[in-house]
Protein backbone atom coordinates (compact mmCIF):
# COMPACT_ATOMS: atom_id res chain seq x y z
CA MET A 1 -0.01 0.01 0.01
CA ILE A 2 1.31 3.43 -0.99
CA GLU A 3 0.86 6.21 1.56
CA VAL A 4 1.58 9.84 0.78
CA ARG A 5 1.41 12.55 3.47
CA THR A 6 2.33 16.22 3.37
CA PHE A 7 3.91 17.80 6.45
CA ILE A 8 4.28 21.55 6.94
CA SER A 9 6.69 23.36 9.24
CA LYS A 10 4.93 24.97 12.19
CA ASN A 11 7.24 28.00 12.07
CA ASN A 12 8.27 27.97 8.41
CA ILE A 13 11.86 27.33 9.51
CA TRP A 14 14.49 25.86 7.20
CA PHE A 15 16.36 22.85 8.54
CA ASN A 16 19.72 21.94 7.01
CA GLU A 17 20.35 18.88 9.17
CA LYS A 18 18.39 15.66 9.60
CA LEU A 19 16.09 15.89 12.62
CA SER A 20 15.27 13.25 15.16
CA LYS A 21 11.80 11.62 15.13
CA SER A 22 10.75 13.56 18.24
CA GLU A 23 12.00 16.87 16.75
CA ILE A 24 10.05 16.15 13.55
CA GLU A 25 6.89 15.58 15.56
CA ARG A 26 7.53 18.85 17.44
CA GLN A 27 8.31 20.96 14.33
CA PHE A 28 5.90 19.64 11.70
CA ILE A 29 2.16 19.14 11.26
CA ASN A 30 0.47 16.53 9.06
CA PHE A 31 -1.31 18.88 6.60
CA GLU A 32 -4.25 16.46 6.20
CA ASP A 33 -4.90 16.27 9.95
CA LYS A 34 -8.30 17.93 10.50
CA ASP A 35 -7.69 17.92 14.29
CA LYS A 36 -4.73 20.27 13.80
CA GLU A 37 -6.78 23.03 12.07
CA SER A 38 -5.75 25.80 14.44
CA GLU A 39 -2.04 24.85 14.30
CA ILE A 40 -2.21 24.70 10.48
CA LYS A 41 -3.84 28.18 10.31
CA LEU A 42 -1.08 29.53 12.54
CA ALA A 43 1.60 27.92 10.40
CA LEU A 44 0.03 29.41 7.27
CA ARG A 45 -0.48 32.85 8.77
CA TYR A 46 1.44 34.58 5.95
CA LEU A 47 -0.38 32.80 3.13
CA ASN A 48 -2.76 35.66 2.34
CA ASP A 49 0.09 38.20 2.40
CA TYR A 50 2.06 36.64 -0.43
CA ILE A 51 0.37 35.34 -3.53
CA ASP A 52 3.13 32.81 -4.24
CA PHE A 53 3.58 31.79 -0.63
CA SER A 54 4.68 28.17 -0.27
CA PRO A 55 4.92 26.60 3.15
CA ARG A 56 8.09 24.73 3.94
CA GLY A 57 7.90 21.04 4.76
CA PHE A 58 8.25 17.63 3.22
CA ILE A 59 6.25 14.92 1.48
CA LYS A 60 6.51 11.46 3.04
CA ILE A 61 5.98 8.60 0.57
CA LYS A 62 5.80 5.11 2.06
CA LEU A 63 5.27 1.63 0.63
CA ASN A 64 4.00 -0.85 3.24
CA GLU A 65 5.54 1.24 6.09
CA GLN A 66 8.90 1.53 4.28
CA GLU A 67 9.78 5.17 3.71
CA LEU A 68 10.80 5.90 0.11
CA LEU A 69 11.02 9.69 0.34
CA GLY A 70 10.48 11.93 3.35
CA GLU A 71 11.96 14.57 5.63
CA GLU A 72 15.35 14.40 3.92
CA GLU A 73 13.65 16.00 0.92
CA PHE A 74 12.66 19.09 2.91
CA GLY A 75 11.87 22.28 1.04
CA TYR A 76 9.10 24.49 -0.31
CA LEU A 77 6.07 22.28 -0.66
CA ASN A 78 4.79 23.84 -3.89
CA GLU A 79 8.19 23.17 -5.51
CA LEU A 80 8.29 19.65 -4.19
CA TRP A 81 4.83 18.86 -5.39
CA ASN A 82 5.62 20.44 -8.80
CA LYS A 83 8.66 18.11 -9.07
CA TYR A 84 6.59 15.02 -8.24
CA ILE A 85 3.78 16.03 -10.61
CA SER A 86 6.32 16.68 -13.35
CA LEU A 87 7.90 13.28 -12.65
CA ILE A 88 4.50 11.53 -13.05
CA THR A 89 3.54 13.63 -16.10
CA SER A 90 6.84 12.89 -17.92
CA TYR A 91 6.57 9.22 -17.02
CA LEU A 92 3.06 8.95 -18.40
CA LEU A 93 4.16 10.66 -21.66
CA ASP A 94 7.48 8.88 -22.20
CA GLY A 95 7.56 5.77 -20.05
CA HIS A 96 10.46 7.21 -18.03
CA ALA A 97 11.20 10.42 -16.17
CA ILE A 98 13.96 12.20 -14.27
CA GLU A 99 13.66 15.07 -11.74
CA TYR A 100 16.25 16.65 -9.52
CA LEU A 101 15.78 17.63 -5.88
CA ASP A 102 17.97 19.38 -3.36
CA TYR A 103 19.61 21.68 -5.86
CA TYR A 104 20.69 18.79 -8.09
CA HIS A 105 22.15 16.65 -5.33
CA LYS A 106 19.39 14.14 -5.61
CA LYS A 107 18.14 12.57 -8.83
CA VAL A 108 14.80 10.77 -8.88
CA THR A 109 14.14 8.44 -11.80
CA LEU A 110 10.94 6.65 -12.65
CA GLU A 111 10.92 3.87 -15.28
CA THR A 112 8.70 1.00 -16.32
CA TYR A 113 9.78 -2.29 -14.67
CA ASP A 114 7.07 -4.54 -16.11
CA ASP A 115 3.38 -4.34 -17.09
CA THR A 116 2.19 -3.58 -13.55
CA SER A 117 5.30 -2.16 -11.80
CA ILE A 118 7.55 0.83 -11.99
CA GLN A 119 11.06 1.34 -10.65
CA LEU A 120 11.74 4.41 -8.49
CA GLN A 121 15.45 5.10 -8.32
CA ILE A 122 16.92 7.73 -6.05
CA THR A 123 20.56 8.68 -6.67
CA MET A 124 22.10 10.91 -4.03
CA VAL A 125 25.31 12.82 -4.51
CA PRO A 126 26.55 14.24 -1.16
CA GLU A 127 27.08 18.02 -1.42
CA GLU A 128 30.80 17.80 -0.63
CA GLU A 129 31.19 15.27 -3.52
CA ALA A 130 28.91 16.91 -6.03
CA GLU A 131 31.70 17.68 -8.44
CA ASN A 132 32.63 14.00 -8.65
CA LEU A 133 29.41 12.57 -10.03
CA SER A 134 30.78 9.03 -10.01
CA ILE A 135 30.37 8.93 -6.21
CA ASN A 136 26.71 8.08 -5.69
CA LYS A 137 24.47 6.51 -3.13
CA ASN A 138 21.51 4.75 -4.61
CA LYS A 139 18.08 3.60 -3.36
CA GLY A 140 15.82 1.66 -5.66
CA PHE A 141 12.24 0.42 -5.24
CA ILE A 142 9.89 -1.63 -7.39
CA LEU A 143 6.39 -0.22 -6.91
CA PRO A 144 2.87 -1.09 -8.10
CA LYS A 145 2.46 1.34 -11.00
CA ASP A 146 -1.21 2.27 -10.71
CA ALA A 147 -1.18 2.52 -6.90
CA PHE A 148 1.88 4.80 -6.95
CA ILE A 149 0.69 7.13 -9.66
CA LEU A 150 -2.84 7.41 -8.27
CA ALA A 151 -1.63 7.99 -4.71
CA LEU A 152 0.66 10.82 -5.83
CA LEU A 153 -2.00 12.44 -7.97
CA ARG A 154 -4.72 12.27 -5.24
CA SER A 155 -2.32 13.54 -2.59
CA ALA A 156 -1.10 16.38 -4.77
CA TYR A 157 -4.68 17.36 -5.52
CA ASN A 158 -5.61 17.18 -1.77
CA TYR A 159 -2.62 19.38 -0.91
CA TYR A 160 -3.60 22.12 -3.36
CA GLU A 161 -7.28 21.85 -2.41
CA ARG A 162 -6.44 22.19 1.27
CA LEU A 163 -4.07 25.09 0.60
CA TYR A 164 -6.85 26.76 -1.41
CA SER A 165 -9.21 26.46 1.57
CA TYR A 166 -6.79 28.76 3.42
CA ALA A 167 -6.24 31.26 0.59
CA ASP A 168 -8.35 31.95 -2.43
CA ASN A 169 -5.66 31.97 -5.11
CA GLU A 170 -6.24 31.52 -8.85
CA LYS A 171 -2.93 29.65 -9.25
CA LEU A 172 -4.16 26.95 -6.88
CA ILE A 173 -7.38 26.52 -8.88
CA ILE A 174 -5.36 26.12 -12.07
CA LYS A 175 -3.13 23.49 -10.41
CA MET A 176 -6.15 21.53 -9.19
CA LYS A 177 -7.68 21.57 -12.72
CA GLU A 178 -4.39 20.32 -14.18
CA LEU A 179 -4.28 17.47 -11.65
CA SER A 180 -7.94 16.57 -12.25
CA LYS A 181 -7.29 16.37 -16.00
CA LEU A 182 -4.16 14.25 -15.54
CA TYR A 183 -6.07 11.89 -13.20
CA LYS A 184 -9.00 11.63 -15.66
CA ASP A 185 -6.69 11.04 -18.60
CA TYR A 186 -4.99 8.21 -16.70
CA THR A 187 -8.05 6.56 -15.14
CA GLY A 188 -11.02 7.71 -17.20
CA LYS A 189 -12.65 8.79 -13.92
CA ASP A 190 -13.08 12.10 -12.11
CA LEU A 191 -10.87 12.81 -9.13
């Protein structure tokens, strides 16, 4: 089972180092958690002041409780979601896709594995070794194709829909329409 959750920073603080599990729980809120409405509103307090405001946070993607991507890919959520949507869109058009995260220190590749599976490959180049691209750390996962694509599309749509509920922004409506069309093109069903 694929699980995708968006977490926002309570104070919109940028973290350069990996945080402990207890610190993550203290600093971040699950954006889908309806019980945290007042905390989310407080964390998004600047949203209406800046039309292109993007909260900081991360997107946790898990397969059967195994984390594929998560807090190590911390950044501006709109940018992260755009990268993941672009990855899915390119994959659906070409059967393979590549996106870069963390200022080109992390390459995410999506390719067809077989008729029902895709391979997600994450190649990390440590910042201090970025000039020597032959030094890589790799993680690879074989995922159920439909479950992965649909989970990402639904979660991206839910993120933008929830963000829109806090700030009436035309750009968010456009993003939701794009995601709805992509989902319908892939499944033949409405999101």
